[in-house]
Amino acid sequence: MAMARPRAHGARTAREHRHSAAQLLACCAAVLVLTSRTALGEKNHEREISDRNWEEILQGEWMIEFFAPWCPACQELQPIWAEFAEWGEDMEVNITKVDVTKEPGLSGRFFIVSLPTIYHCKDGVFRLYEGPRTKEDFLSFIDEKKWQDLEPISSWLGPSSFLMNIISGFYRLSMFTRNWHSYLTEHLGMPVWGSYVVFTLAVLFSGLVLGLIVVFITDCVFPSRWSYPPDAYYQQNRARRGDHQLKMLEDTGKQAQHEEDYEGNETEEEDDRGLPELTGEATPGALRKRVLCTGKEEDGDT
């Protein structure tokens, strides 16, 4: 009996170990099954677009939703948008959404001022969707090509225009400033007014540096007259004055010559009126007759 007890105790311990191993295998199998079902059931049909690869939407047909996690209207739209995205592959349309809190550059590039905002894009032509926000309305909008009835966004307001690039840069700068403000106040424990003082000094310093750069570039492109050495400047000034005086003398000489020519012409006209012109071979008798006739005419006038 003393020998039977240890043997029975060892058999019971072996059975417990086998039971525990079977339970562990069952749990692992259940976890694997649930994980596989979740992965298959929650397949993401939405394309991911960021500020780095946004130019992909310039090719093909796209439906783009701009949202924010804190927006109640955006939260209501998310399940509807996910159901609509499941039809994207069948309808040959790319469906994506952009979180404006994570992608401020895209928010500025599309000038998002209200949430949620939905855009339709076809081969780089953008249109703002303002219709009902149900899955059926989204599907009919694509299937019946209702987007053709909407007016396209102007090219100078498009996301790839120069103006939108500048606005996108300002949006990224604002997000950068906000992150640094949060870091200074929350992580470093700096007071809010101290953070404002830091940003004010940074703005003044950057403005001073940019002003100096602009002045330097302007002075290089359009140099002032004092950039020349003094002697060279005075020599150039004297040369300009000498040229001006020489031109005045030339103009005065031309005017005097013109007056002399004019007086000479008047004298010739008076001579022509006072004494008839002798043409041909004039004999002494003919010359005497002309002189006598001229004298008689003068006597008659007096």
Protein backbone atom coordinates (compact mmCIF):
# COMPACT_ATOMS: atom_id res chain seq x y z
CA MET A 1 0.00 0.00 0.00
CA ALA A 2 2.88 2.30 0.73
CA MET A 3 4.26 1.68 -2.73
CA ALA A 4 0.86 2.20 -4.49
CA ARG A 5 0.33 5.76 -3.29
CA PRO A 6 3.33 7.34 -5.06
CA ARG A 7 2.41 5.50 -8.25
CA ALA A 8 -1.16 6.79 -8.17
CA HIS A 9 0.03 10.31 -7.41
CA GLY A 10 2.37 10.26 -10.42
CA ALA A 11 -0.41 9.06 -12.74
CA ARG A 12 -2.72 11.85 -11.59
CA THR A 13 0.02 14.46 -12.16
CA ALA A 14 0.62 13.18 -15.71
CA ARG A 15 -3.10 13.41 -16.49
CA GLU A 16 -3.20 17.00 -15.24
CA HIS A 17 -0.24 17.95 -17.42
CA ARG A 18 -1.86 16.42 -20.51
CA HIS A 19 -5.11 18.23 -19.75
CA SER A 20 -3.33 21.56 -19.32
CA ALA A 21 -1.46 21.08 -22.60
CA ALA A 22 -4.72 20.28 -24.41
CA GLN A 23 -6.34 23.43 -23.05
CA LEU A 24 -3.37 25.51 -24.11
CA LEU A 25 -3.49 24.12 -27.65
CA ALA A 26 -7.22 24.76 -27.82
CA CYS A 27 -6.75 28.37 -26.73
CA CYS A 28 -4.02 28.93 -29.31
CA ALA A 29 -6.18 27.47 -32.06
CA ALA A 30 -9.10 29.68 -31.06
CA VAL A 31 -6.92 32.76 -31.08
CA LEU A 32 -5.59 31.93 -34.53
CA VAL A 33 -9.09 31.35 -35.91
CA LEU A 34 -10.42 34.60 -34.48
CA THR A 35 -7.41 36.54 -35.76
CA SER A 36 -7.79 35.15 -39.27
CA ARG A 37 -11.50 35.89 -39.33
CA THR A 38 -10.94 39.42 -38.11
CA ALA A 39 -8.27 40.01 -40.73
CA LEU A 40 -10.50 38.69 -43.48
CA GLY A 41 -13.61 40.47 -42.29
CA GLU A 42 -11.97 43.86 -41.72
CA LYS A 43 -10.02 44.11 -44.94
CA ASN A 44 -9.21 47.74 -45.67
CA HIS A 45 -10.41 48.73 -49.14
CA GLU A 46 -9.26 52.36 -48.84
CA ARG A 47 -6.08 53.66 -50.42
CA GLU A 48 -3.63 55.52 -48.22
CA ILE A 49 -2.71 59.01 -49.40
CA SER A 50 -0.25 61.34 -47.69
CA ASP A 51 1.61 64.53 -48.48
CA ARG A 52 4.42 62.43 -49.99
CA ASN A 53 2.39 60.45 -52.55
CA TRP A 54 -0.65 62.68 -53.13
CA GLU A 55 0.23 63.07 -56.82
CA GLU A 56 -1.11 59.55 -57.40
CA ILE A 57 -4.62 60.97 -57.36
CA LEU A 58 -3.84 62.94 -60.54
CA GLN A 59 -4.27 59.72 -62.54
CA GLY A 60 -7.48 57.70 -62.69
CA GLU A 61 -10.72 58.28 -60.81
CA TRP A 62 -10.77 59.04 -57.10
CA MET A 63 -13.15 59.85 -54.24
CA ILE A 64 -11.36 61.60 -51.37
CA GLU A 65 -12.75 62.30 -47.92
CA PHE A 66 -11.08 64.80 -45.57
CA PHE A 67 -11.96 64.19 -41.93
CA ALA A 68 -10.79 64.68 -38.37
CA PRO A 69 -11.16 62.17 -35.51
CA TRP A 70 -12.78 64.77 -33.22
CA CYS A 71 -15.46 65.75 -35.77
CA PRO A 72 -18.92 64.26 -34.93
CA ALA A 73 -20.14 64.44 -38.53
CA CYS A 74 -16.98 62.66 -39.67
CA GLN A 75 -17.53 59.92 -37.10
CA GLU A 76 -21.04 59.31 -38.44
CA LEU A 77 -19.75 59.14 -42.01
CA GLN A 78 -16.96 56.62 -41.36
CA PRO A 79 -19.03 53.38 -41.47
CA ILE A 80 -20.86 54.59 -44.59
CA TRP A 81 -17.57 55.49 -46.25
CA ALA A 82 -16.12 52.08 -45.35
CA GLU A 83 -19.10 50.31 -47.00
CA PHE A 84 -18.72 52.53 -50.05
CA ALA A 85 -15.01 51.68 -50.23
CA GLU A 86 -15.87 47.97 -50.58
CA TRP A 87 -17.38 48.77 -54.01
CA GLY A 88 -14.37 50.71 -55.21
CA GLU A 89 -12.64 47.80 -56.90
CA ASP A 90 -15.82 46.72 -58.71
CA MET A 91 -16.54 50.26 -59.94
CA GLU A 92 -12.89 50.92 -60.84
CA VAL A 93 -12.64 53.94 -58.59
CA ASN A 94 -10.04 54.59 -55.90
CA ILE A 95 -11.51 55.53 -52.53
CA THR A 96 -9.39 57.15 -49.84
CA LYS A 97 -9.65 59.38 -46.81
CA VAL A 98 -7.22 61.89 -45.32
CA ASP A 99 -6.87 62.76 -41.65
CA VAL A 100 -6.28 66.52 -41.61
CA THR A 101 -4.69 66.34 -38.16
CA LYS A 102 -1.94 64.10 -39.54
CA GLU A 103 -1.66 65.62 -43.03
CA PRO A 104 -1.86 69.42 -42.66
CA GLY A 105 -0.07 69.87 -45.97
CA LEU A 106 -2.89 68.15 -47.88
CA SER A 107 -5.45 70.10 -45.87
CA GLY A 108 -3.89 73.34 -47.05
CA ARG A 109 -3.34 72.07 -50.59
CA PHE A 110 -7.08 71.42 -50.95
CA PHE A 111 -7.98 74.44 -48.76
CA ILE A 112 -10.20 72.48 -46.38
CA VAL A 113 -12.38 74.86 -44.35
CA SER A 114 -15.18 72.48 -43.27
CA LEU A 115 -15.38 68.82 -42.26
CA PRO A 116 -16.05 66.39 -43.69
CA THR A 117 -15.15 67.52 -47.21
CA ILE A 118 -15.38 65.15 -50.19
CA TYR A 119 -13.65 65.65 -53.54
CA HIS A 120 -14.04 63.75 -56.79
CA CYS A 121 -11.04 63.62 -59.10
CA LYS A 122 -10.93 62.34 -62.66
CA ASP A 123 -7.55 62.47 -64.43
CA GLY A 124 -6.40 65.50 -62.47
CA VAL A 125 -9.70 67.44 -62.70
CA PHE A 126 -11.18 68.07 -59.25
CA ARG A 127 -14.83 68.61 -58.31
CA LEU A 128 -16.33 69.27 -54.90
CA TYR A 129 -19.02 66.76 -53.88
CA GLU A 130 -21.91 68.43 -52.04
CA GLY A 131 -24.65 65.79 -52.42
CA PRO A 132 -26.25 63.41 -49.88
CA ARG A 133 -23.85 61.26 -47.89
CA THR A 134 -25.23 57.77 -48.17
CA LYS A 135 -23.70 54.71 -49.75
CA GLU A 136 -26.39 54.58 -52.47
CA ASP A 137 -25.83 58.25 -53.35
CA PHE A 138 -22.07 57.72 -53.57
CA LEU A 139 -22.55 54.68 -55.82
CA SER A 140 -25.01 56.45 -58.13
CA PHE A 141 -22.71 59.48 -58.26
CA ILE A 142 -19.96 57.27 -59.72
CA ASP A 143 -22.07 54.80 -61.71
CA GLU A 144 -24.26 57.42 -63.42
CA LYS A 145 -21.37 59.88 -63.79
CA LYS A 146 -23.21 62.67 -62.05
CA TRP A 147 -19.86 64.32 -61.47
CA GLN A 148 -20.02 65.58 -65.06
CA ASP A 149 -22.77 68.00 -64.00
CA LEU A 150 -20.50 69.69 -61.44
CA GLU A 151 -18.25 72.61 -62.28
CA PRO A 152 -14.54 71.72 -62.04
CA ILE A 153 -12.26 73.50 -59.64
CA SER A 154 -10.32 76.30 -61.34
CA SER A 155 -6.76 75.42 -62.34
CA TRP A 156 -5.25 78.23 -60.27
CA LEU A 157 -7.08 76.83 -57.21
CA GLY A 158 -6.14 73.22 -57.96
CA PRO A 159 -3.92 71.32 -55.51
CA SER A 160 -0.96 71.37 -57.92
CA SER A 161 -1.06 75.14 -58.55
CA PHE A 162 1.56 77.58 -57.27
CA LEU A 163 -0.93 79.28 -54.94
CA MET A 164 -1.99 76.02 -53.29
CA ASN A 165 1.65 75.03 -52.85
CA ILE A 166 2.22 78.22 -50.85
CA ILE A 167 -0.92 77.66 -48.74
CA SER A 168 0.15 74.07 -48.12
CA GLY A 169 3.50 75.33 -46.84
CA PHE A 170 1.76 77.72 -44.44
CA TYR A 171 -0.43 74.89 -43.12
CA ARG A 172 2.64 72.73 -42.49
CA LEU A 173 4.35 75.65 -40.78
CA SER A 174 1.34 76.19 -38.51
CA MET A 175 1.31 72.51 -37.53
CA PHE A 176 5.07 72.65 -36.89
CA THR A 177 4.57 75.68 -34.63
CA ARG A 178 1.72 73.98 -32.78
CA ASN A 179 3.80 70.86 -32.13
CA TRP A 180 6.69 72.92 -30.79
CA HIS A 181 4.32 74.91 -28.58
CA SER A 182 2.96 71.66 -27.15
CA TYR A 183 6.48 70.36 -26.59
CA LEU A 184 7.60 73.51 -24.78
CA THR A 185 4.54 73.76 -22.54
CA GLU A 186 3.80 70.09 -21.85
CA HIS A 187 7.18 68.34 -21.87
CA LEU A 188 9.53 71.13 -20.74
CA GLY A 189 7.02 72.77 -18.39
CA MET A 190 7.45 76.24 -19.90
CA PRO A 191 4.58 78.68 -19.25
CA VAL A 192 2.39 79.67 -22.15
CA TRP A 193 3.62 83.27 -22.16
CA GLY A 194 7.20 81.99 -22.28
CA SER A 195 6.39 79.96 -25.39
CA TYR A 196 4.88 83.07 -26.99
CA VAL A 197 8.03 85.05 -26.20
CA VAL A 198 10.20 82.37 -27.80
CA PHE A 199 8.13 82.35 -30.98
CA THR A 200 8.05 86.17 -31.11
CA LEU A 201 11.84 86.35 -30.91
CA ALA A 202 12.14 83.62 -33.53
CA VAL A 203 9.84 85.55 -35.89
CA LEU A 204 11.78 88.79 -35.39
CA PHE A 205 15.11 87.09 -35.97
CA SER A 206 13.91 85.27 -39.10
CA GLY A 207 12.43 88.51 -40.45
CA LEU A 208 15.72 90.31 -39.87
CA VAL A 209 17.66 87.60 -41.68
CA LEU A 210 15.23 87.55 -44.61
CA GLY A 211 15.36 91.36 -44.84
CA LEU A 212 19.16 91.33 -45.02
CA ILE A 213 19.04 88.66 -47.72
CA VAL A 214 16.55 90.69 -49.79
CA VAL A 215 18.66 93.86 -49.44
CA PHE A 216 21.79 91.98 -50.46
CA ILE A 217 20.11 90.48 -53.54
CA THR A 218 18.60 93.85 -54.53
CA ASP A 219 21.94 95.60 -54.19
CA CYS A 220 23.60 92.97 -56.36
CA VAL A 221 20.95 93.10 -59.08
CA PHE A 222 20.38 96.89 -59.02
CA PRO A 223 23.60 98.50 -57.72
CA SER A 224 23.36 102.11 -56.52
CA ARG A 225 25.52 104.93 -57.96
CA TRP A 226 27.65 105.13 -54.80
CA SER A 227 28.88 101.62 -55.43
CA TYR A 228 31.47 103.12 -57.82
CA PRO A 229 34.72 104.65 -56.44
CA PRO A 230 34.43 108.45 -55.88
CA ASP A 231 37.02 109.33 -58.56
CA ALA A 232 35.32 107.17 -61.14
CA TYR A 233 31.93 108.65 -60.25
CA TYR A 234 33.18 112.24 -60.64
CA GLN A 235 34.91 111.40 -63.90
CA GLN A 236 31.72 109.91 -65.25
CA ASN A 237 29.77 112.95 -64.07
CA ARG A 238 32.22 115.32 -65.80
CA ALA A 239 32.06 113.29 -68.98
CA ARG A 240 28.25 113.50 -68.91
CA ARG A 241 28.38 117.28 -68.39
CA GLY A 242 30.94 117.69 -71.19
CA ASP A 243 28.80 115.67 -73.56
CA HIS A 244 25.78 117.77 -72.62
CA GLN A 245 27.61 121.05 -73.18
CA LEU A 246 29.02 119.82 -76.49
CA LYS A 247 25.55 118.89 -77.62
CA MET A 248 24.26 122.33 -76.62
CA LEU A 249 27.04 123.99 -78.66
CA GLU A 250 26.24 121.84 -81.66
CA ASP A 251 22.56 122.72 -81.37
CA THR A 252 23.42 126.42 -81.08
CA GLY A 253 25.67 126.23 -84.19
CA LYS A 254 22.98 124.46 -86.14
CA GLN A 255 20.43 127.08 -85.12
CA ALA A 256 22.78 129.96 -86.16
CA GLN A 257 23.50 128.29 -89.51
CA HIS A 258 19.79 127.86 -90.03
CA GLU A 259 19.18 131.57 -89.32
CA GLU A 260 21.96 132.58 -91.74
CA ASP A 261 20.49 130.37 -94.43
CA TYR A 262 17.08 131.85 -93.79
CA GLU A 263 18.42 135.45 -94.05
CA GLY A 264 20.31 134.57 -97.24
CA ASN A 265 17.14 133.21 -98.81
CA GLU A 266 15.24 136.38 -97.92
CA THR A 267 18.02 138.56 -99.49
CA GLU A 268 17.92 136.56 -102.69
CA GLU A 269 14.14 136.93 -102.87
CA GLU A 270 14.42 140.71 -102.43
CA ASP A 271 17.05 140.90 -105.18
CA ASP A 272 14.85 138.92 -107.48
CA ARG A 273 11.95 141.32 -106.91
CA GLY A 274 14.11 144.46 -107.35
CA LEU A 275 16.06 143.51 -110.52
CA PRO A 276 14.78 141.05 -113.10
CA GLU A 277 17.02 138.10 -113.68
CA LEU A 278 19.14 138.25 -116.80
CA THR A 279 18.73 135.15 -118.85
CA GLY A 280 20.48 134.32 -122.04
CA GLU A 281 22.99 136.65 -123.71
CA ALA A 282 22.19 140.20 -122.58
CA THR A 283 23.36 143.01 -124.98
CA PRO A 284 24.22 146.50 -123.73
CA GLY A 285 21.08 147.91 -125.38
CA ALA A 286 18.81 145.42 -123.74
CA LEU A 287 20.49 146.04 -120.40
CA ARG A 288 20.02 149.80 -120.84
CA LYS A 289 16.31 149.32 -121.63
CA ARG A 290 15.78 147.28 -118.52
CA VAL A 291 17.51 149.85 -116.34
CA LEU A 292 15.44 152.69 -117.87
CA CYS A 293 12.22 150.72 -117.39
CA THR A 294 13.12 150.02 -113.77
CA GLY A 295 13.82 153.71 -113.16
CA LYS A 296 10.48 154.75 -114.71
CA GLU A 297 8.62 152.28 -112.49
CA GLU A 298 10.35 153.70 -109.39
CA ASP A 299 9.45 157.29 -110.46
CA GLY A 300 5.88 156.24 -110.96
CA ASP A 301 5.74 154.68 -107.50
CA THR A 302 7.06 157.83 -105.88
